[in-house]
Amino acid sequence: MTQRIIPIQPVAADGATTVSLYQKQAKIYPRSIKGWFASWRWAMVWLTQLLFYGLPWLPWNGRQAVLFDLGARRFFIFDLVLYPQDFVYLAGLLVLSAYALFFFTAVAGRLWCGYACPQTVYTEIFLWVERKFEGDRGARMRLDGEPWSAGKLLRKSGKHAAWLLIGLWTGFTFVGYFTPIQSLWGEAFTLSFGPWEWFWVNFYGLATYGNAGFLREQVCKYMCPYARFQSAMFDRDTLIVSYDTARGEARGKRGRGDDAKAKGLGDCIDCGLCVHVCPVGIDIRDGLQYECIACTACIDACDGVMDKMHYPRGLIRYATENALVNRWPAAQALRRVLRPRVIIYGSLLVVIASAFVVSLSLRRPLKVDVVRDRATMSRQVEQGAIENVYRLQVMNATEGPRSVRIVADGLPGVVVQSPVEAIALAPAEARWVTVAVRLPYDSARAAGSGSHRIDFHVSTVDAASPIAVDERSTFMVPR
């Protein structure tokens, strides 16, 4: 990739020269490549996009399988019904993702960036569309260098129309995780989206169009923070995409039958193919660079050249810095990958994942929040009894109907005055229930004035295996 600084002509009267700090970037034209790693990369493209585009359309219990209903404050993930009170699981998922990132980066560098990052995935898709309309690297370069014509306009327009369609469909699918996608699909035909739906469909669609169609490597190099702090997670035993300098140098062109050693040449024929296929336009032969996203396109390209030259594969390969310097075999390098930091990351990852799964499996499908009624803290009713009023939010975290009963204890004689009947909850319903709790006069005198702890017990009455939830509160006895 060539870069040049564009100077500005002198403008000051005293002869001082002003130089622009803007660095013009040459457009990158990645060449298509086939190979073992390219197949894995496309497998990840298919897997991630089938999940992303397919999950909202998957029916489950009379609804879509994954739905984050922000208006109703319900989050449906297959059989799970989550409430805002389950935010701890989101925090646990983020911690789990962070340790997974640390672990895989310490083992083999930027695996996430090269195979599963949305920027990489959509750039691959957009590049595929671009090749269908404009051809491979050489054809695209020639097309851009030609003057505008009807044919060029048709190709460019078709490409951008396809990009916009993919971007808008991506935005539509994204919104479909928060608004039932079946109803959203019906609204699409009449263009009757709500204001927020219009905003997010267009925002996410245009962001996909811009990032994957135009910014591409600029996102990875300048906008994504991961490229900047990845070096803190690398060490000399991390597997990275590496060029074997000792084997490849000195570079030079030669025929297939030439004796490279007699000419003082290494295995690198200086074809430049590793640079042509790189989506960020770097030369891996210059060593590890923060721009490298470990997409391994250069490995596939170089292996193909080595096959044609009848040289061993692996001039560019996954290797560690120590393995390259010390000329270790692959088995020894892999053994060194299992080092203390990897063991620590892996152990923490297993512990956190296990705790997350166990906590989720033991989660009670009934939730209760208790809030004291501030309008009526405490009052005296008939026969001198003291009554406190509470508001209980009872949440059914299942997709079946439930009936629950509320009782209280903690003080002698305390009783729930109302409601006395079982409360019926619809599937995934959260209901606020006003609960009046009374304490007989004698018990109130014995307890004394002030606040006293009581416990609410909310339990199902119609389930084969009853579910009970206990919540603590206070009972106020006036002076």
Protein backbone atom coordinates (compact mmCIF):
# COMPACT_ATOMS: atom_id res chain seq x y z
CA MET A 1 0.00 0.00 0.00
CA THR A 2 1.45 3.32 -1.04
CA GLN A 3 0.93 6.40 1.06
CA ARG A 4 2.10 9.92 0.31
CA ILE A 5 1.85 13.24 2.08
CA ILE A 6 0.38 16.06 0.02
CA PRO A 7 2.30 19.28 0.76
CA ILE A 8 0.62 22.66 0.66
CA GLN A 9 2.43 25.42 -1.20
CA PRO A 10 4.04 28.18 0.91
CA VAL A 11 1.57 30.89 1.86
CA ALA A 12 3.42 32.88 4.50
CA ALA A 13 5.21 36.09 3.56
CA ASP A 14 8.28 35.24 5.63
CA GLY A 15 9.01 32.14 3.56
CA ALA A 16 7.68 29.58 6.07
CA THR A 17 6.23 26.43 4.54
CA THR A 18 3.03 24.80 5.77
CA VAL A 19 2.87 21.04 5.35
CA SER A 20 -0.42 19.15 5.56
CA LEU A 21 -0.59 16.35 8.11
CA TYR A 22 -3.31 14.64 6.08
CA GLN A 23 -2.03 11.33 4.78
CA LYS A 24 -3.73 10.28 1.59
CA GLN A 25 -4.61 6.59 1.48
CA ALA A 26 -4.37 4.62 -1.72
CA LYS A 27 -7.52 2.59 -2.35
CA ILE A 28 -7.11 -1.08 -1.54
CA TYR A 29 -8.31 -3.67 -4.05
CA PRO A 30 -8.19 -7.05 -2.28
CA ARG A 31 -7.84 -9.99 -4.63
CA SER A 32 -10.09 -13.00 -4.17
CA ILE A 33 -8.38 -16.11 -2.84
CA LYS A 34 -9.31 -19.72 -2.25
CA GLY A 35 -7.81 -22.03 0.31
CA TRP A 36 -8.25 -23.83 3.60
CA PHE A 37 -8.46 -20.67 5.73
CA ALA A 38 -10.71 -18.90 3.19
CA SER A 39 -13.13 -21.82 3.46
CA TRP A 40 -13.21 -21.48 7.23
CA ARG A 41 -13.75 -17.74 6.93
CA TRP A 42 -16.72 -18.24 4.61
CA ALA A 43 -18.06 -20.95 6.90
CA MET A 44 -18.11 -18.35 9.69
CA VAL A 45 -19.83 -15.87 7.36
CA TRP A 46 -22.58 -18.39 6.67
CA LEU A 47 -22.90 -19.43 10.31
CA THR A 48 -23.09 -15.90 11.74
CA GLN A 49 -25.49 -14.63 9.08
CA LEU A 50 -27.80 -17.64 9.23
CA LEU A 51 -28.07 -17.04 12.97
CA PHE A 52 -28.49 -13.29 12.68
CA TYR A 53 -31.00 -13.29 9.83
CA GLY A 54 -32.76 -16.52 10.79
CA LEU A 55 -33.38 -16.31 14.55
CA PRO A 56 -36.11 -13.63 14.39
CA TRP A 57 -38.08 -15.77 11.92
CA LEU A 58 -37.80 -18.96 13.97
CA PRO A 59 -41.19 -19.66 15.66
CA TRP A 60 -41.08 -20.64 19.32
CA ASN A 61 -44.01 -21.03 21.73
CA GLY A 62 -46.25 -18.95 19.48
CA ARG A 63 -43.72 -16.11 19.08
CA GLN A 64 -40.31 -15.60 17.55
CA ALA A 65 -37.46 -17.46 19.23
CA VAL A 66 -35.50 -14.34 20.23
CA LEU A 67 -37.37 -11.13 21.02
CA PHE A 68 -36.28 -8.20 23.19
CA ASP A 69 -39.61 -6.49 23.85
CA LEU A 70 -38.46 -3.18 25.35
CA GLY A 71 -41.99 -1.77 25.58
CA ALA A 72 -43.24 -4.66 27.70
CA ARG A 73 -39.85 -5.10 29.38
CA ARG A 74 -39.71 -8.76 28.46
CA PHE A 75 -36.77 -10.52 26.86
CA PHE A 76 -37.57 -13.87 25.26
CA ILE A 77 -34.68 -16.20 24.40
CA PHE A 78 -36.12 -19.55 23.40
CA ASP A 79 -37.68 -20.90 26.64
CA LEU A 80 -36.20 -18.16 28.81
CA VAL A 81 -38.31 -15.17 29.84
CA LEU A 82 -36.08 -12.48 31.32
CA TYR A 83 -36.98 -9.22 33.06
CA PRO A 84 -34.92 -6.06 33.68
CA GLN A 85 -34.22 -7.54 37.13
CA ASP A 86 -32.21 -10.23 35.32
CA PHE A 87 -29.66 -7.65 34.17
CA VAL A 88 -27.03 -9.58 36.11
CA TYR A 89 -27.08 -12.23 33.40
CA LEU A 90 -26.18 -9.64 30.78
CA ALA A 91 -23.29 -8.51 32.97
CA GLY A 92 -22.20 -12.14 33.33
CA LEU A 93 -22.40 -12.64 29.56
CA LEU A 94 -20.23 -9.56 28.97
CA VAL A 95 -17.64 -10.78 31.48
CA LEU A 96 -17.70 -14.21 29.85
CA SER A 97 -17.19 -12.64 26.41
CA ALA A 98 -14.30 -10.52 27.68
CA TYR A 99 -12.45 -13.50 29.15
CA ALA A 100 -13.10 -15.51 25.99
CA LEU A 101 -11.54 -12.67 24.01
CA PHE A 102 -8.53 -12.58 26.34
CA PHE A 103 -8.11 -16.35 26.17
CA PHE A 104 -8.32 -16.76 22.40
CA THR A 105 -6.17 -13.68 21.77
CA ALA A 106 -3.44 -14.97 24.11
CA VAL A 107 -3.52 -18.32 22.30
CA ALA A 108 -3.79 -17.32 18.64
CA GLY A 109 -4.03 -13.57 18.24
CA ARG A 110 -6.92 -11.82 16.53
CA LEU A 111 -9.11 -14.83 15.78
CA TRP A 112 -12.23 -12.78 16.46
CA CYS A 113 -11.20 -10.06 14.02
CA GLY A 114 -10.26 -12.46 11.25
CA TYR A 115 -13.29 -14.73 11.33
CA ALA A 116 -16.30 -13.49 13.31
CA CYS A 117 -16.17 -9.70 13.69
CA PRO A 118 -19.20 -8.11 11.95
CA GLN A 119 -16.89 -5.70 10.15
CA THR A 120 -14.93 -8.61 8.67
CA VAL A 121 -18.05 -10.61 7.86
CA TYR A 122 -19.88 -7.80 6.07
CA THR A 123 -16.74 -6.68 4.27
CA GLU A 124 -16.42 -10.21 2.88
CA ILE A 125 -20.05 -10.11 1.74
CA PHE A 126 -19.70 -6.66 0.16
CA LEU A 127 -16.46 -7.63 -1.57
CA TRP A 128 -18.19 -10.70 -3.02
CA VAL A 129 -20.95 -8.45 -4.40
CA GLU A 130 -18.34 -6.05 -5.77
CA ARG A 131 -16.54 -8.86 -7.62
CA LYS A 132 -19.83 -10.05 -9.14
CA PHE A 133 -20.47 -6.61 -10.64
CA GLU A 134 -16.95 -5.34 -11.35
CA GLY A 135 -14.69 -8.39 -11.48
CA ASP A 136 -11.59 -9.28 -9.47
CA ARG A 137 -8.74 -7.00 -8.46
CA GLY A 138 -7.31 -6.16 -11.88
CA ALA A 139 -10.72 -5.61 -13.47
CA ARG A 140 -11.81 -3.29 -10.65
CA MET A 141 -8.63 -1.25 -10.92
CA ARG A 142 -9.08 -0.88 -14.68
CA LEU A 143 -12.75 0.03 -14.27
CA ASP A 144 -11.94 2.77 -11.76
CA GLY A 145 -9.30 4.15 -14.11
CA GLU A 146 -11.64 4.33 -17.08
CA PRO A 147 -13.72 7.41 -17.91
CA TRP A 148 -17.41 7.25 -17.06
CA SER A 149 -19.54 5.38 -19.57
CA ALA A 150 -22.94 3.70 -19.65
CA GLY A 151 -21.37 0.34 -18.84
CA LYS A 152 -19.38 1.70 -15.91
CA LEU A 153 -22.42 3.56 -14.58
CA LEU A 154 -24.52 0.40 -14.83
CA ARG A 155 -21.96 -1.70 -12.94
CA LYS A 156 -21.40 0.87 -10.22
CA SER A 157 -25.12 1.52 -9.79
CA GLY A 158 -25.90 -2.18 -9.58
CA LYS A 159 -23.20 -2.71 -6.97
CA HIS A 160 -24.38 0.15 -4.78
CA ALA A 161 -28.02 -0.89 -5.13
CA ALA A 162 -27.10 -4.40 -3.94
CA TRP A 163 -25.07 -2.94 -1.06
CA LEU A 164 -27.96 -0.72 0.00
CA LEU A 165 -30.38 -3.63 -0.18
CA ILE A 166 -28.13 -5.77 2.04
CA GLY A 167 -27.63 -2.87 4.45
CA LEU A 168 -31.34 -2.11 4.74
CA TRP A 169 -32.22 -5.78 5.15
CA THR A 170 -29.61 -5.95 7.91
CA GLY A 171 -31.16 -2.89 9.59
CA PHE A 172 -34.64 -4.41 9.22
CA THR A 173 -33.46 -7.66 10.82
CA PHE A 174 -31.78 -5.78 13.66
CA VAL A 175 -35.02 -3.93 14.46
CA GLY A 176 -36.83 -7.29 14.17
CA TYR A 177 -35.13 -8.40 17.37
CA PHE A 178 -36.93 -5.60 19.25
CA THR A 179 -40.22 -5.40 17.35
CA PRO A 180 -41.99 -8.64 16.35
CA ILE A 181 -40.61 -9.23 12.89
CA GLN A 182 -43.84 -10.63 11.47
CA SER A 183 -45.69 -7.40 12.20
CA LEU A 184 -42.65 -5.41 11.08
CA TRP A 185 -42.72 -7.27 7.75
CA GLY A 186 -46.36 -6.29 7.27
CA GLU A 187 -45.55 -2.65 8.06
CA ALA A 188 -42.71 -2.72 5.51
CA PHE A 189 -45.17 -3.12 2.62
CA THR A 190 -47.16 -0.06 3.66
CA LEU A 191 -44.15 1.91 4.95
CA SER A 192 -45.99 2.37 8.25
CA PHE A 193 -43.02 1.98 10.59
CA GLY A 194 -43.01 3.95 13.81
CA PRO A 195 -40.50 6.82 14.17
CA TRP A 196 -37.99 4.76 16.13
CA GLU A 197 -38.29 1.84 13.72
CA TRP A 198 -37.64 4.18 10.78
CA PHE A 199 -34.62 5.62 12.57
CA TRP A 200 -32.98 2.32 13.48
CA VAL A 201 -33.67 0.54 10.20
CA ASN A 202 -32.05 3.39 8.28
CA PHE A 203 -29.29 4.07 10.81
CA TYR A 204 -28.17 0.45 11.06
CA GLY A 205 -28.65 -0.09 7.31
CA LEU A 206 -26.61 2.97 6.33
CA ALA A 207 -23.95 2.12 8.92
CA THR A 208 -23.58 -1.33 7.36
CA TYR A 209 -23.48 0.20 3.88
CA GLY A 210 -20.85 2.77 4.87
CA ASN A 211 -18.63 0.58 7.05
CA ALA A 212 -18.50 -2.47 4.78
CA GLY A 213 -18.74 -0.65 1.47
CA PHE A 214 -16.47 2.36 1.96
CA LEU A 215 -14.60 2.51 5.27
CA ARG A 216 -13.62 -1.17 5.41
CA GLU A 217 -10.01 -1.35 6.64
CA GLN A 218 -10.26 2.19 8.09
CA VAL A 219 -12.66 0.86 10.73
CA CYS A 220 -10.13 -1.79 11.78
CA LYS A 221 -7.14 0.53 11.67
CA TYR A 222 -8.49 3.73 13.18
CA MET A 223 -11.95 3.26 14.69
CA CYS A 224 -11.77 -0.11 16.46
CA PRO A 225 -9.96 0.09 19.84
CA TYR A 226 -9.10 -3.62 19.79
CA ALA A 227 -6.26 -3.08 17.33
CA ARG A 228 -4.66 -0.67 19.79
CA PHE A 229 -4.70 -2.77 22.95
CA GLN A 230 -4.19 -6.20 21.39
CA SER A 231 -0.43 -5.97 21.96
CA ALA A 232 -1.06 -6.08 25.71
CA MET A 233 -2.47 -9.60 25.27
CA PHE A 234 0.27 -10.85 22.93
CA ASP A 235 3.59 -12.31 23.97
CA ARG A 236 6.35 -14.17 22.18
CA ASP A 237 4.47 -17.47 22.51
CA THR A 238 1.23 -16.25 20.94
CA LEU A 239 0.38 -17.86 17.61
CA ILE A 240 0.25 -15.10 15.00
CA VAL A 241 0.27 -14.92 11.20
CA SER A 242 4.00 -14.77 10.51
CA TYR A 243 6.42 -14.68 7.61
CA ASP A 244 9.42 -16.99 8.00
CA THR A 245 12.22 -14.53 7.24
CA ALA A 246 15.02 -17.07 7.61
CA ARG A 247 13.45 -19.30 5.00
CA GLY A 248 12.10 -16.64 2.66
CA GLU A 249 15.00 -14.20 2.35
CA ALA A 250 16.54 -13.15 0.12
CA ARG A 251 13.53 -12.58 -2.08
CA GLY A 252 13.74 -12.80 -5.82
CA LYS A 253 11.98 -13.95 -8.94
CA ARG A 254 13.00 -17.21 -10.57
CA GLY A 255 11.70 -19.91 -12.88
CA ARG A 256 10.22 -23.13 -11.57
CA GLY A 257 13.26 -25.13 -12.55
CA ASP A 258 15.83 -22.66 -11.26
CA ASP A 259 18.11 -23.55 -8.36
CA ALA A 260 17.23 -20.85 -5.83
CA LYS A 261 20.10 -21.73 -3.50
CA ALA A 262 22.61 -21.38 -6.29
CA LYS A 263 21.29 -17.87 -6.91
CA GLY A 264 21.42 -17.05 -3.19
CA LEU A 265 17.63 -16.77 -2.97
CA GLY A 266 15.16 -17.90 -0.35
CA ASP A 267 11.73 -19.41 -0.97
CA CYS A 268 9.93 -16.07 -1.41
CA ILE A 269 9.62 -15.34 -5.14
CA ASP A 270 8.52 -11.74 -4.41
CA CYS A 271 5.26 -12.15 -6.33
CA GLY A 272 3.41 -9.72 -4.02
CA LEU A 273 0.34 -11.92 -3.91
CA CYS A 274 0.28 -11.82 -0.08
CA VAL A 275 -0.11 -8.03 -0.34
CA HIS A 276 -2.72 -8.18 -3.11
CA VAL A 277 -5.08 -10.38 -1.06
CA CYS A 278 -4.69 -8.44 2.20
CA PRO A 279 -7.91 -6.55 3.05
CA VAL A 280 -5.96 -3.91 5.01
CA GLY A 281 -3.19 -3.56 2.43
CA ILE A 282 -0.16 -4.44 4.56
CA ASP A 283 2.88 -6.54 3.70
CA ILE A 284 3.09 -9.39 6.21
CA ARG A 285 6.77 -9.80 5.29
CA ASP A 286 7.47 -6.59 7.21
CA GLY A 287 6.62 -8.38 10.47
CA LEU A 288 3.75 -8.10 12.95
CA GLN A 289 1.71 -4.91 12.43
CA TYR A 290 -1.24 -3.64 14.41
CA GLU A 291 -3.28 -3.33 11.20
CA CYS A 292 -3.18 -7.11 10.64
CA ILE A 293 -6.59 -8.63 11.43
CA ALA A 294 -5.33 -12.23 11.13
CA CYS A 295 -7.70 -13.06 8.27
CA THR A 296 -5.01 -15.52 6.99
CA ALA A 297 -5.68 -14.63 3.33
CA CYS A 298 -1.91 -14.24 2.91
CA ILE A 299 -1.37 -17.82 4.13
CA ASP A 300 -3.73 -19.24 1.50
CA ALA A 301 -2.11 -17.10 -1.21
CA CYS A 302 1.43 -18.05 -0.27
CA ASP A 303 0.61 -21.74 0.09
CA GLY A 304 -0.81 -21.70 -3.43
CA VAL A 305 2.42 -20.17 -4.77
CA MET A 306 4.53 -22.68 -2.84
CA ASP A 307 2.53 -25.52 -4.38
CA LYS A 308 3.17 -24.18 -7.89
CA MET A 309 6.88 -23.78 -7.19
CA HIS A 310 7.03 -27.24 -5.57
CA TYR A 311 8.30 -25.73 -2.33
CA PRO A 312 7.08 -26.78 1.12
CA ARG A 313 4.07 -24.89 2.43
CA GLY A 314 4.29 -22.64 5.47
CA LEU A 315 6.47 -19.73 4.35
CA ILE A 316 3.64 -17.65 5.80
CA ARG A 317 1.91 -19.53 8.59
CA TYR A 318 0.62 -19.43 12.13
CA ALA A 319 3.74 -19.40 14.32
CA THR A 320 5.10 -17.79 17.47
CA GLU A 321 7.94 -15.31 17.61
CA ASN A 322 9.97 -17.68 19.76
CA ALA A 323 9.37 -20.54 17.32
CA LEU A 324 10.62 -18.48 14.39
CA VAL A 325 13.70 -17.21 16.19
CA ASN A 326 14.68 -20.57 17.69
CA ARG A 327 13.58 -22.64 14.67
CA TRP A 328 11.30 -24.83 16.79
CA PRO A 329 9.14 -27.48 15.16
CA ALA A 330 5.38 -26.95 15.22
CA ALA A 331 4.85 -29.45 18.05
CA GLN A 332 7.23 -27.63 20.38
CA ALA A 333 5.66 -24.25 19.56
CA LEU A 334 2.21 -25.61 20.34
CA ARG A 335 3.41 -26.98 23.68
CA ARG A 336 4.69 -23.53 24.62
CA VAL A 337 1.27 -22.06 23.89
CA LEU A 338 0.01 -23.71 27.09
CA ARG A 339 1.68 -21.19 29.42
CA PRO A 340 0.62 -19.62 32.77
CA ARG A 341 -1.42 -16.71 31.37
CA VAL A 342 -3.33 -19.04 29.05
CA ILE A 343 -4.01 -21.47 31.90
CA ILE A 344 -5.26 -18.60 34.09
CA TYR A 345 -7.50 -17.20 31.35
CA GLY A 346 -8.80 -20.67 30.50
CA SER A 347 -9.49 -21.55 34.14
CA LEU A 348 -11.35 -18.30 34.75
CA LEU A 349 -13.30 -18.81 31.55
CA VAL A 350 -14.39 -22.30 32.64
CA VAL A 351 -15.33 -21.10 36.14
CA ILE A 352 -17.32 -18.11 34.86
CA ALA A 353 -19.05 -20.17 32.17
CA SER A 354 -19.95 -22.88 34.67
CA ALA A 355 -21.28 -20.35 37.18
CA PHE A 356 -23.30 -18.65 34.43
CA VAL A 357 -24.89 -21.90 33.26
CA VAL A 358 -25.61 -23.13 36.80
CA SER A 359 -27.10 -19.80 37.84
CA LEU A 360 -29.29 -19.70 34.75
CA SER A 361 -30.47 -23.28 35.25
CA LEU A 362 -31.31 -22.66 38.94
CA ARG A 363 -33.08 -19.39 38.21
CA ARG A 364 -36.57 -19.30 39.73
CA PRO A 365 -39.33 -18.64 37.19
CA LEU A 366 -41.14 -16.42 39.72
CA LYS A 367 -39.94 -13.00 40.83
CA VAL A 368 -41.19 -10.63 43.50
CA ASP A 369 -40.31 -7.03 44.36
CA VAL A 370 -41.69 -5.40 47.50
CA VAL A 371 -42.22 -1.63 47.72
CA ARG A 372 -43.77 0.07 50.74
CA ASP A 373 -46.77 2.25 49.96
CA ARG A 374 -45.48 5.70 50.87
CA ALA A 375 -48.98 7.19 50.91
CA THR A 376 -49.96 4.91 53.80
CA MET A 377 -46.95 4.02 55.92
CA SER A 378 -48.97 2.81 58.90
CA ARG A 379 -52.50 3.20 60.21
CA GLN A 380 -54.72 1.98 63.04
CA VAL A 381 -57.84 0.10 62.05
CA GLU A 382 -60.68 -1.66 63.89
CA GLN A 383 -59.94 -3.20 67.29
CA GLY A 384 -56.69 -1.23 67.47
CA ALA A 385 -54.88 -3.40 64.93
CA ILE A 386 -52.01 -1.82 63.00
CA GLU A 387 -52.10 -2.04 59.22
CA ASN A 388 -49.29 -1.44 56.74
CA VAL A 389 -49.80 -1.30 52.99
CA TYR A 390 -47.30 -2.62 50.45
CA ARG A 391 -47.09 -2.90 46.68
CA LEU A 392 -45.72 -6.19 45.40
CA GLN A 393 -44.65 -6.67 41.82
CA VAL A 394 -45.18 -10.34 41.04
CA MET A 395 -43.57 -11.55 37.79
CA ASN A 396 -44.34 -14.81 36.04
CA ALA A 397 -41.12 -15.73 34.20
CA THR A 398 -42.70 -18.60 32.32
CA GLU A 399 -44.95 -18.81 29.30
CA GLY A 400 -47.66 -20.68 31.15
CA PRO A 401 -50.37 -19.31 33.50
CA ARG A 402 -49.65 -19.28 37.23
CA SER A 403 -51.66 -18.74 40.38
CA VAL A 404 -49.82 -17.48 43.46
CA ARG A 405 -50.70 -16.88 47.08
CA ILE A 406 -49.12 -14.28 49.37
CA VAL A 407 -48.53 -14.84 53.10
CA ALA A 408 -46.45 -12.95 55.66
CA ASP A 409 -44.66 -13.82 58.90
CA GLY A 410 -41.94 -12.47 61.16
CA LEU A 411 -44.16 -11.01 63.89
CA PRO A 412 -46.62 -12.95 66.09
CA GLY A 413 -50.13 -12.74 64.65
CA VAL A 414 -49.19 -10.84 61.50
CA VAL A 415 -51.53 -11.69 58.62
CA VAL A 416 -52.17 -10.65 55.04
CA GLN A 417 -55.56 -8.96 55.14
CA SER A 418 -55.86 -8.62 51.37
CA PRO A 419 -55.73 -10.13 48.90
CA VAL A 420 -56.90 -13.34 50.50
CA GLU A 421 -57.52 -15.17 47.24
CA ALA A 422 -54.88 -16.61 44.95
CA ILE A 423 -53.68 -14.20 42.26
CA ALA A 424 -53.88 -15.41 38.66
CA LEU A 425 -50.95 -14.45 36.44
CA ALA A 426 -51.05 -14.73 32.67
CA PRO A 427 -48.02 -16.10 30.80
CA ALA A 428 -45.01 -13.77 31.18
CA GLU A 429 -47.15 -11.29 33.10
CA ALA A 430 -45.84 -8.83 35.68
CA ARG A 431 -48.51 -7.40 37.96
CA TRP A 432 -48.47 -4.85 40.76
CA VAL A 433 -50.56 -6.09 43.71
CA THR A 434 -51.58 -3.93 46.67
CA VAL A 435 -51.16 -5.96 49.86
CA ALA A 436 -52.53 -4.95 53.26
CA VAL A 437 -50.80 -6.57 56.26
CA ARG A 438 -52.28 -6.36 59.78
CA LEU A 439 -50.82 -6.89 63.22
CA PRO A 440 -53.20 -7.38 66.20
CA TYR A 441 -53.18 -4.71 68.90
CA ASP A 442 -51.62 -6.95 71.56
CA SER A 443 -48.84 -8.06 69.23
CA ALA A 444 -48.15 -4.46 68.24
CA ARG A 445 -47.85 -3.42 71.92
CA ALA A 446 -45.53 -6.35 72.59
CA ALA A 447 -43.37 -5.53 69.60
CA GLY A 448 -43.09 -1.84 70.47
CA SER A 449 -43.02 1.17 68.20
CA GLY A 450 -40.61 1.43 65.28
CA SER A 451 -39.79 -0.78 62.31
CA HIS A 452 -39.79 -4.57 62.52
CA ARG A 453 -38.71 -7.13 59.96
CA ILE A 454 -41.34 -9.25 58.24
CA ASP A 455 -41.06 -11.70 55.36
CA PHE A 456 -43.38 -12.16 52.43
CA HIS A 457 -43.74 -15.67 51.05
CA VAL A 458 -45.11 -15.85 47.52
CA SER A 459 -45.73 -19.36 46.24
CA THR A 460 -47.50 -21.03 43.36
CA VAL A 461 -50.60 -23.02 44.17
CA ASP A 462 -51.32 -24.70 40.86
CA ALA A 463 -47.94 -26.11 39.83
CA ALA A 464 -46.91 -29.75 40.03
CA SER A 465 -43.71 -28.64 41.74
CA PRO A 466 -44.50 -25.50 43.79
CA ILE A 467 -42.23 -22.50 43.47
CA ALA A 468 -41.73 -20.20 46.45
CA VAL A 469 -40.01 -16.82 46.69
CA ASP A 470 -39.22 -15.01 49.93
CA GLU A 471 -38.78 -11.24 50.13
CA ARG A 472 -37.89 -9.17 53.19
CA SER A 473 -39.54 -5.91 54.23
CA THR A 474 -40.33 -3.88 57.36
CA PHE A 475 -43.52 -3.38 59.35
CA MET A 476 -44.01 0.01 60.98
CA VAL A 477 -45.67 0.29 64.41
CA PRO A 478 -46.53 3.94 65.25
CA ARG A 479 -45.94 5.48 68.64
